[in-house]
Protein backbone atom coordinates (compact mmCIF):
# COMPACT_ATOMS: atom_id res chain seq x y z
CA UNK A 1 -7.36 -3.21 -18.87
CA UNK A 2 -8.13 -2.07 -15.37
CA UNK A 3 -11.83 -3.00 -15.50
CA UNK A 4 -11.01 -6.56 -14.85
CA UNK A 5 -9.87 -5.79 -11.28
CA UNK A 6 -12.08 -7.03 -8.47
CA UNK A 7 -14.49 -4.47 -6.84
CA UNK A 8 -12.60 -4.50 -3.57
CA UNK A 9 -9.31 -3.43 -5.36
CA UNK A 10 -11.25 -0.02 -6.49
CA UNK A 11 -12.13 0.44 -2.87
CA UNK A 12 -8.55 0.25 -1.73
CA UNK A 13 -7.49 2.73 -4.45
CA UNK A 14 -9.52 5.31 -2.61
CA UNK A 15 -6.42 5.88 -0.53
CA UNK A 16 -4.23 6.76 -3.50
CA UNK A 17 -5.88 9.86 -4.76
CA UNK A 18 -3.50 10.27 -7.81
CA UNK A 19 -4.65 7.03 -9.39
CA UNK A 20 -8.23 6.31 -9.97
CA UNK A 21 -7.86 3.78 -12.75
CA UNK A 22 -10.14 6.33 -14.76
CA UNK A 23 -13.24 5.55 -12.72
CA UNK A 24 -13.70 8.55 -10.76
CA UNK A 25 -14.28 8.93 -7.04
CA UNK A 26 -15.61 6.11 -5.11
CA UNK A 27 -18.91 6.34 -2.89
CA UNK A 28 -18.14 7.19 0.89
CA UNK A 29 -19.45 3.91 2.06
CA UNK A 30 -16.73 2.33 0.12
CA UNK A 31 -14.06 4.30 1.62
CA UNK A 32 -15.13 3.28 5.34
CA UNK A 33 -15.14 -0.49 4.05
CA UNK A 34 -11.85 -0.18 2.71
CA UNK A 35 -10.31 1.12 6.02
CA UNK A 36 -12.26 -1.45 8.00
CA UNK A 37 -10.66 -4.08 5.78
CA UNK A 38 -7.33 -2.66 5.86
CA UNK A 39 -7.40 -2.35 9.44
CA UNK A 40 -8.85 -5.71 10.46
CA UNK A 41 -7.45 -8.23 7.66
CA UNK A 42 -3.95 -6.94 7.01
CA UNK A 43 -3.06 -9.93 5.05
CA UNK A 44 -6.21 -9.42 2.65
CA UNK A 45 -5.24 -5.60 2.46
CA UNK A 46 -1.75 -6.56 1.41
CA UNK A 47 -2.96 -8.34 -1.41
CA UNK A 48 -4.91 -5.30 -2.58
CA UNK A 49 -1.98 -2.90 -2.09
CA UNK A 50 0.35 -5.19 -3.72
CA UNK A 51 -2.22 -5.26 -6.63
CA UNK A 52 -2.17 -1.31 -6.57
CA UNK A 53 1.57 -1.10 -6.66
CA UNK A 54 1.67 -3.55 -9.61
CA UNK A 55 -0.88 -1.53 -11.61
CA UNK A 56 0.78 1.89 -10.68
CA UNK A 57 4.40 1.25 -10.38
CA UNK A 58 5.40 4.94 -10.16
CA UNK A 59 2.87 5.81 -7.39
CA UNK A 60 5.17 5.91 -4.27
CA UNK A 61 2.07 5.84 -2.07
CA UNK A 62 1.01 2.54 -3.42
CA UNK A 63 4.76 1.12 -3.39
CA UNK A 64 4.82 2.33 0.32
CA UNK A 65 1.69 0.75 1.21
CA UNK A 66 2.55 -2.40 -0.50
CA UNK A 67 6.09 -2.66 0.88
CA UNK A 68 4.90 -1.70 4.45
CA UNK A 69 2.35 -4.54 4.45
CA UNK A 70 4.70 -7.08 3.04
CA UNK A 71 7.27 -6.45 5.74
CA UNK A 72 4.62 -5.99 8.57
CA UNK A 73 2.45 -9.05 7.38
CA UNK A 74 4.96 -11.44 5.68
CA UNK A 75 7.85 -10.73 7.83
CA UNK A 76 9.95 -10.05 4.88
CA UNK A 77 11.97 -7.09 6.32
CA UNK A 78 15.37 -7.90 4.59
CA UNK A 79 13.68 -8.33 1.27
CA UNK A 80 11.66 -5.27 1.56
CA UNK A 81 14.68 -3.21 2.53
CA UNK A 82 16.82 -4.87 -0.53
CA UNK A 83 13.69 -3.91 -2.91
CA UNK A 84 13.52 -0.43 -1.64
CA UNK A 85 17.18 -0.22 -2.61
CA UNK A 86 17.02 -1.99 -5.95
CA UNK A 87 14.16 0.02 -6.92
CA UNK A 88 15.70 3.24 -5.95
CA UNK A 89 12.49 4.22 -4.37
CA UNK A 90 12.55 7.59 -2.16
CA UNK A 91 9.70 9.61 -0.62
CA UNK A 92 9.38 10.57 3.05
CA UNK A 93 7.22 7.73 3.86
CA UNK A 94 9.63 5.14 2.01
CA UNK A 95 12.77 6.56 3.61
CA UNK A 96 11.24 6.28 7.12
CA UNK A 97 10.01 2.51 6.28
CA UNK A 98 13.79 1.98 5.41
CA UNK A 99 15.00 3.51 8.52
CA UNK A 100 12.67 1.41 10.64
CA UNK A 101 13.66 -1.69 8.81
CA UNK A 102 17.22 -1.03 9.23
CA UNK A 103 16.83 -0.34 13.19
CA UNK A 104 14.55 -3.28 13.65
CA UNK A 105 11.73 -0.79 14.70
CA UNK A 106 8.01 -1.53 14.57
CA UNK A 107 6.29 -1.60 11.08
CA UNK A 108 3.39 0.88 11.32
CA UNK A 109 -0.06 -0.65 10.87
CA UNK A 110 -2.19 1.04 8.26
CA UNK A 111 -3.69 4.27 8.90
CA UNK A 112 -5.84 6.13 6.36
CA UNK A 113 -4.06 9.47 7.31
CA UNK A 114 -0.48 7.90 6.02
CA UNK A 115 0.89 9.40 3.00
């Protein structure tokens, strides 16, 4: 089922250590490429994070990255806040994102060190 995903999708999954799609670790060069892609092309990275969140709906890190990108790239702050509440998602990073959305604070950009 997961084999049909494009290769760039698997590079982004490097940032979700709990989900490797059964393929094992990715080479280090892919890690750097995914980071560059996420930092320099947020809209494209958003599509990858959204796909990761769809394939792993219980992975809170994947959900956080997809929702963070959606709020930041597409400007859907109110919809993202509603989805966090509707889906009853809780983690330190998601709770911080919800607080940022409520207070109209800046949405953080991608960082490989974020949870």
